[in-house]
Every structure is written in structure tokens, then in C-alpha cells.
Amino acid sequence: MQRRHVAAMGLAGLAWPAACLMAATGGPARTGAPGSSPSGAVGALPASLRLLTEEFPPINFSDNGKPRGLTVEIVQAIQQRLGQDLPIEVLPWARAFREAQDTPPTALFATARIPERESLFQWVGPLVQFHSTVYARAGVPVQTRTLEDARHASRVLVVRDWYTAQQLRTAGFRNLQTVVDPVQGVRMLMAGRAPLLAGERVSMPRTLALAGVKPSQIRALFSFAVNDGYIAFSLSTPKATVEAWQARLQELKRDGTFQAIYKRWLPNEPLPPMR
């Protein structure tokens, strides 16, 4: 398996100039022990900040109209320490990805941090690790073992604007067929609309359940990349706001809150880098 990691940007530590903190929160910093809440909150962040996510269980998804999942709980924990309770919108990925770049201050999670996206956002994380994996139907003879093999397949299904699609386009793939979401991709794979699907390993069990497909009906051929998932802030978001979010995430990691949330949702997966 090839592991592709993007070098982390220089991110602020727990201390930052009071003037920057005031710019991020709209007021003076509150005092209190690090990690305490609500007394340790830093004040209200800009009310215009939008929080966007997608249907990607168990990482992030909606349940009876309410956002849930690993990264949803992490974002909510960060907000609690910032004294905020901004709503989280669950949108189709392609729309959320577009609006996170075109609108005023916005945060989109969990977003794979890959070279193709590096300059599009400001990054807070990492929150989770994604494993790009190529799948085929079980019982169907497929001699695909490498990316070079997949390049010569008749079609490879990918979710529109997903990081896997961007990675494969960068690798020179010209045989990609886009789908709206991973559930549609699995269903099209099972219907024989394409021999291969480029998806994500950690989320695949829940995707199969939503698609009505048994795990025995699909097989993973190989994984070709591992990427960290971040909160991607629009370039219009004040830098001090981004620094405040990164600082609170680091607090969650230091005091064990992050690890507890992560293991509750992904008990069998290794923790992402703790930088």
C-alpha cells in the first residue's frame, strides 16, 4: 500500500496573541483552565461561520435529521470549548465542496487533505484517516492488482469531487465514471455497470448496509493511498478563527477526549497522527 501524506501546515499552538484571539472571537479572551468548559471557552466565534458535512457514515452522517458521526462529535466538542453551538448542515458532497469554496466563512468536514486541494482551504486536523481502495464484485474474475491495471479497465466508478476521483485524475486515469455518492457507486458496481469502484475502506461496511449489499458480495482488490481527513476552512475564514479551532482540537487530543470519541466510532482503526 502506498501511503501519501501531505506535510502539515504550520499550525498555531495553544497560545496566540490576544489581538488575534479577539479577532477570532469578536471579543476579549475569557480566562479559565485549558480544556475547561464553559468557563474555559474563548468566546463567540463569528456567527456567519457555516459548518458543512456529508452523508459518509460512520465518519459523518444524518440520523433522523440530526448530524451524527465521529467527526460531528469532534466538531461539537471543539465548539463547546469555544462557547459555540453553530448548526451543522448535511449536504451532498459535490455541493458542500463547491459551497465551501464559494461562500463566506465556511468549514467542511471531514475533507481529505491531498495536494490537489492544499491551496483551496485552511486546514484543521487531522481527525481521521481515509484508505483509498479499489473494489470489484465477488465471484467475478478480475485481474486488477495495481493502479496500472485499473487504468486499463473499461470503467472505474468514483464519487463526484471525492478525493479518490481527484487522485486518479492526477494519476492520468481517463476511464472514470462519476456517481453522486458511494451508495450509488456500490449499487452500480453490483449491477455490472462497471467492473471497478474506487472507494474508501473505513466507511465501506456502512455503505454496503445502506446499499443493501452483503459484505460477501464485494471484495477489496487493493488499497492505493492513505490520507488524513481534516476540517477544511474556506480561505475567507479569518486566520485567527482557524487557529482557535486547531488549538481546541489539540486540547481534545492532549486530555484524551479525542481518543475516546474516536474509539467509540472506530474501535478497530488506528488513531490518526496526533500532531
Protein backbone atom coordinates (compact mmCIF):
# COMPACT_ATOMS: atom_id res chain seq x y z
CA MET A 1 0.00 0.00 0.00
CA GLN A 2 1.31 3.42 -0.88
CA ARG A 3 0.96 5.97 1.90
CA ARG A 4 0.52 9.54 0.75
CA HIS A 5 0.66 12.13 3.41
CA VAL A 6 0.73 15.87 2.92
CA ALA A 7 3.13 17.79 5.07
CA ALA A 8 1.26 19.62 7.79
CA MET A 9 0.96 23.35 7.52
CA GLY A 10 2.38 25.46 10.31
CA LEU A 11 -0.45 25.47 12.84
CA ALA A 12 -0.75 27.58 15.92
CA GLY A 13 -0.10 26.20 19.38
CA LEU A 14 -2.25 26.83 22.37
CA ALA A 15 -1.07 30.39 22.85
CA TRP A 16 -1.66 33.15 20.38
CA PRO A 17 -1.62 36.95 20.59
CA ALA A 18 -4.57 38.43 22.41
CA ALA A 19 -5.32 40.63 19.42
CA CYS A 20 -5.65 37.58 17.18
CA LEU A 21 -7.88 35.87 19.69
CA MET A 22 -10.14 38.89 19.83
CA ALA A 23 -10.32 38.90 16.04
CA ALA A 24 -11.37 35.27 16.06
CA THR A 25 -13.94 35.57 18.80
CA GLY A 26 -15.25 39.07 18.44
CA GLY A 27 -14.24 39.97 21.99
CA PRO A 28 -11.59 39.60 24.67
CA ALA A 29 -10.43 36.16 25.72
CA ARG A 30 -12.03 34.59 28.76
CA THR A 31 -9.83 33.15 31.43
CA GLY A 32 -10.02 29.61 32.71
CA ALA A 33 -8.10 26.38 32.82
CA PRO A 34 -7.28 24.92 29.42
CA GLY A 35 -9.92 22.45 28.36
CA SER A 36 -12.48 23.63 30.90
CA SER A 37 -15.98 24.34 29.67
CA PRO A 38 -17.90 26.54 29.67
CA SER A 39 -15.64 28.63 31.90
CA GLY A 40 -12.66 27.90 29.68
CA ALA A 41 -14.44 28.87 26.45
CA VAL A 42 -12.82 31.60 24.41
CA GLY A 43 -15.96 33.48 23.45
CA ALA A 44 -18.27 33.57 20.46
CA LEU A 45 -16.85 32.88 17.02
CA PRO A 46 -18.30 34.73 14.02
CA ALA A 47 -21.98 33.83 13.72
CA SER A 48 -21.61 33.71 9.93
CA LEU A 49 -19.43 30.59 10.05
CA ARG A 50 -21.15 27.70 8.23
CA LEU A 51 -20.42 24.11 9.18
CA LEU A 52 -20.92 21.61 6.34
CA THR A 53 -20.61 17.86 6.16
CA GLU A 54 -21.88 14.94 4.04
CA GLU A 55 -23.53 11.54 4.28
CA PHE A 56 -20.48 9.38 4.95
CA PRO A 57 -21.22 7.04 7.87
CA PRO A 58 -19.78 6.41 10.37
CA ILE A 59 -17.48 9.40 9.85
CA ASN A 60 -20.30 11.93 9.43
CA PHE A 61 -23.97 11.47 8.51
CA SER A 62 -27.54 12.42 9.41
CA ASP A 63 -29.84 10.38 11.64
CA ASN A 64 -33.50 11.45 11.71
CA GLY A 65 -32.44 14.89 10.55
CA LYS A 66 -29.65 15.28 13.12
CA PRO A 67 -25.93 15.21 12.29
CA ARG A 68 -24.04 12.32 13.84
CA GLY A 69 -20.74 10.52 13.50
CA LEU A 70 -17.11 10.60 14.53
CA THR A 71 -16.18 13.99 13.12
CA VAL A 72 -19.53 15.52 14.09
CA GLU A 73 -18.81 14.72 17.74
CA ILE A 74 -15.29 16.13 17.44
CA VAL A 75 -16.58 19.35 15.86
CA GLN A 76 -19.23 19.64 18.57
CA ALA A 77 -16.59 19.14 21.27
CA ILE A 78 -14.43 21.88 19.72
CA GLN A 79 -17.43 24.20 19.57
CA GLN A 80 -18.24 23.53 23.22
CA ARG A 81 -14.78 24.67 24.24
CA LEU A 82 -15.15 27.74 22.09
CA GLY A 83 -18.52 28.59 23.64
CA GLN A 84 -20.32 27.96 20.34
CA ASP A 85 -23.24 25.84 19.16
CA LEU A 86 -23.43 26.53 15.43
CA PRO A 87 -25.68 24.21 13.37
CA ILE A 88 -24.15 21.55 11.13
CA GLU A 89 -25.61 21.17 7.64
CA VAL A 90 -25.53 17.76 5.92
CA LEU A 91 -25.32 18.24 2.14
CA PRO A 92 -24.39 16.16 -0.90
CA TRP A 93 -20.62 16.16 -1.12
CA ALA A 94 -20.25 17.89 -4.51
CA ARG A 95 -22.48 20.75 -3.37
CA ALA A 96 -20.77 21.08 0.02
CA PHE A 97 -17.33 21.03 -1.59
CA ARG A 98 -18.35 23.77 -4.02
CA GLU A 99 -20.03 25.96 -1.41
CA ALA A 100 -17.08 25.65 0.96
CA GLN A 101 -15.00 27.44 -1.67
CA ASP A 102 -17.57 29.95 -2.96
CA THR A 103 -19.27 31.26 0.17
CA PRO A 104 -18.25 33.39 3.19
CA PRO A 105 -16.55 31.73 6.21
CA THR A 106 -17.27 28.02 5.95
CA ALA A 107 -15.86 24.77 7.38
CA LEU A 108 -16.27 21.43 5.57
CA PHE A 109 -15.52 18.12 7.25
CA ALA A 110 -14.10 15.59 7.05
CA THR A 111 -12.12 16.58 3.98
CA ALA A 112 -9.18 14.54 2.72
CA ARG A 113 -6.10 16.73 2.60
CA ILE A 114 -4.42 15.96 -0.71
CA PRO A 115 -2.04 18.05 -2.84
CA GLU A 116 -4.80 18.91 -5.31
CA ARG A 117 -6.75 20.66 -2.52
CA GLU A 118 -3.93 22.15 -0.46
CA SER A 119 -4.29 25.73 -1.68
CA LEU A 120 -8.10 25.71 -1.67
CA PHE A 121 -8.57 25.69 2.11
CA GLN A 122 -7.12 26.37 5.52
CA TRP A 123 -6.72 23.12 7.44
CA VAL A 124 -7.52 21.98 10.99
CA GLY A 125 -6.74 18.40 11.95
CA PRO A 126 -6.13 15.63 11.40
CA LEU A 127 -9.37 13.98 12.52
CA VAL A 128 -9.37 10.61 10.75
CA GLN A 129 -7.54 8.54 8.15
CA PHE A 130 -9.04 7.56 4.81
CA HIS A 131 -7.94 4.47 2.87
CA SER A 132 -8.44 4.69 -0.89
CA THR A 133 -9.37 1.19 -2.05
CA VAL A 134 -10.40 -0.44 -5.33
CA TYR A 135 -13.33 -2.89 -5.18
CA ALA A 136 -14.90 -5.45 -7.51
CA ARG A 137 -17.86 -7.81 -7.30
CA ALA A 138 -17.11 -11.07 -5.55
CA GLY A 139 -17.11 -14.08 -7.84
CA VAL A 140 -16.38 -12.03 -10.97
CA PRO A 141 -12.92 -12.74 -12.44
CA VAL A 142 -10.93 -9.50 -12.31
CA GLN A 143 -7.16 -9.45 -12.79
CA THR A 144 -6.70 -5.98 -11.33
CA ARG A 145 -3.94 -5.79 -8.73
CA THR A 146 -2.38 -2.36 -9.27
CA LEU A 147 -3.30 1.16 -10.33
CA GLU A 148 -1.74 0.46 -13.70
CA ASP A 149 -4.12 -2.49 -14.13
CA ALA A 150 -7.09 -0.30 -13.12
CA ARG A 151 -6.06 2.32 -15.65
CA HIS A 152 -6.88 -0.15 -18.40
CA ALA A 153 -10.28 -1.23 -17.06
CA SER A 154 -13.34 -0.30 -19.11
CA ARG A 155 -14.66 1.95 -16.32
CA VAL A 156 -13.87 2.85 -12.71
CA LEU A 157 -16.70 4.26 -10.60
CA VAL A 158 -15.80 7.25 -8.40
CA VAL A 159 -17.86 9.70 -6.34
CA ARG A 160 -18.02 13.14 -7.94
CA ASP A 161 -15.44 15.53 -6.43
CA TRP A 162 -14.24 12.93 -3.91
CA TYR A 163 -10.54 12.87 -3.17
CA THR A 164 -10.26 9.43 -4.81
CA ALA A 165 -11.54 10.89 -8.08
CA GLN A 166 -9.03 13.73 -7.86
CA GLN A 167 -6.19 11.33 -7.06
CA LEU A 168 -6.97 9.10 -10.02
CA ARG A 169 -7.33 12.02 -12.43
CA THR A 170 -3.93 13.27 -11.30
CA ALA A 171 -2.58 9.76 -11.96
CA GLY A 172 -3.78 10.05 -15.54
CA PHE A 173 -6.97 7.98 -15.42
CA ARG A 174 -9.30 8.60 -18.36
CA ASN A 175 -11.81 5.85 -17.61
CA LEU A 176 -13.58 7.32 -14.58
CA GLN A 177 -17.38 7.32 -14.31
CA THR A 178 -18.73 9.63 -11.60
CA VAL A 179 -21.61 8.82 -9.24
CA VAL A 180 -23.47 11.01 -6.76
CA ASP A 181 -22.48 9.13 -3.61
CA PRO A 182 -20.80 5.87 -2.51
CA VAL A 183 -24.13 4.05 -2.09
CA GLN A 184 -24.96 4.67 -5.74
CA GLY A 185 -21.45 3.54 -6.64
CA VAL A 186 -21.88 0.21 -4.84
CA ARG A 187 -25.26 -0.39 -6.45
CA MET A 188 -23.91 0.36 -9.91
CA LEU A 189 -20.95 -1.95 -9.29
CA MET A 190 -23.28 -4.76 -8.24
CA ALA A 191 -25.47 -4.14 -11.31
CA GLY A 192 -22.44 -4.68 -13.55
CA ARG A 193 -22.37 -1.08 -14.79
CA ALA A 194 -18.60 -1.05 -14.27
CA PRO A 195 -16.03 -3.65 -13.20
CA LEU A 196 -14.35 -1.49 -10.56
CA LEU A 197 -15.23 1.00 -7.82
CA ALA A 198 -12.67 3.30 -6.18
CA GLY A 199 -13.99 3.90 -2.67
CA GLU A 200 -12.97 4.23 0.96
CA ARG A 201 -12.30 1.25 3.23
CA VAL A 202 -13.26 2.57 6.68
CA SER A 203 -16.73 3.64 5.58
CA MET A 204 -17.42 0.67 3.28
CA PRO A 205 -19.25 -1.57 5.81
CA ARG A 206 -21.89 1.12 6.44
CA THR A 207 -22.06 1.95 2.73
CA LEU A 208 -22.80 -1.69 1.92
CA ALA A 209 -25.54 -1.81 4.55
CA LEU A 210 -27.18 1.30 3.11
CA ALA A 211 -26.94 -0.16 -0.39
CA GLY A 212 -28.48 -3.45 0.70
CA VAL A 213 -25.37 -5.40 -0.26
CA LYS A 214 -23.78 -8.15 1.83
CA PRO A 215 -20.05 -7.87 2.59
CA SER A 216 -19.55 -11.25 0.92
CA GLN A 217 -20.81 -9.81 -2.38
CA ILE A 218 -17.90 -7.41 -2.79
CA ARG A 219 -14.15 -7.76 -2.48
CA ALA A 220 -11.33 -5.30 -1.93
CA LEU A 221 -8.64 -5.70 -4.57
CA PHE A 222 -6.01 -3.32 -3.20
CA SER A 223 -5.55 -0.01 -1.40
CA PHE A 224 -3.54 2.68 -3.12
CA ALA A 225 -3.37 5.63 -0.72
CA VAL A 226 -3.88 6.71 2.89
CA ASN A 227 -4.85 10.35 3.50
CA ASP A 228 -5.72 12.31 6.60
CA GLY A 229 -9.17 13.88 6.92
CA TYR A 230 -9.32 17.47 8.18
CA ILE A 231 -11.76 20.29 8.78
CA ALA A 232 -11.31 22.43 5.66
CA PHE A 233 -11.94 26.12 6.28
CA SER A 234 -12.65 28.44 3.38
CA LEU A 235 -9.95 30.97 2.55
CA SER A 236 -12.40 33.70 3.60
CA THR A 237 -12.38 32.43 7.19
CA PRO A 238 -10.24 34.65 9.49
CA LYS A 239 -6.91 33.02 10.21
CA ALA A 240 -7.38 33.57 13.94
CA THR A 241 -10.61 31.55 13.81
CA VAL A 242 -8.75 28.65 12.20
CA GLU A 243 -6.01 28.90 14.84
CA ALA A 244 -8.60 28.84 17.61
CA TRP A 245 -10.16 25.65 16.24
CA GLN A 246 -6.76 23.97 15.87
CA ALA A 247 -5.82 24.91 19.43
CA ARG A 248 -9.01 23.42 20.85
CA LEU A 249 -8.54 20.25 18.81
CA GLN A 250 -5.07 19.90 20.29
CA GLU A 251 -6.60 20.23 23.76
CA LEU A 252 -9.02 17.41 22.97
CA LYS A 253 -6.10 15.23 21.93
CA ARG A 254 -4.00 16.07 24.97
CA ASP A 255 -6.68 15.33 27.54
CA GLY A 256 -7.91 12.10 25.90
CA THR A 257 -11.32 13.38 24.77
CA PHE A 258 -10.45 12.94 21.09
CA GLN A 259 -9.21 9.39 21.59
CA ALA A 260 -12.38 8.41 23.49
CA ILE A 261 -14.62 9.73 20.69
CA TYR A 262 -12.51 8.08 18.01
CA LYS A 263 -12.51 4.64 19.63
CA ARG A 264 -16.25 4.80 20.22
CA TRP A 265 -16.88 5.17 16.47
CA LEU A 266 -13.89 3.32 15.01
CA PRO A 267 -12.77 0.82 17.67
CA ASN A 268 -10.69 -1.24 15.25
CA GLU A 269 -8.95 1.59 13.42
CA PRO A 270 -5.63 3.19 14.41
CA LEU A 271 -5.70 6.77 15.55
CA PRO A 272 -4.66 9.42 13.00
CA PRO A 273 -1.38 11.27 13.55
CA MET A 274 -1.64 13.26 16.79
CA ARG A 275 0.13 16.38 15.50
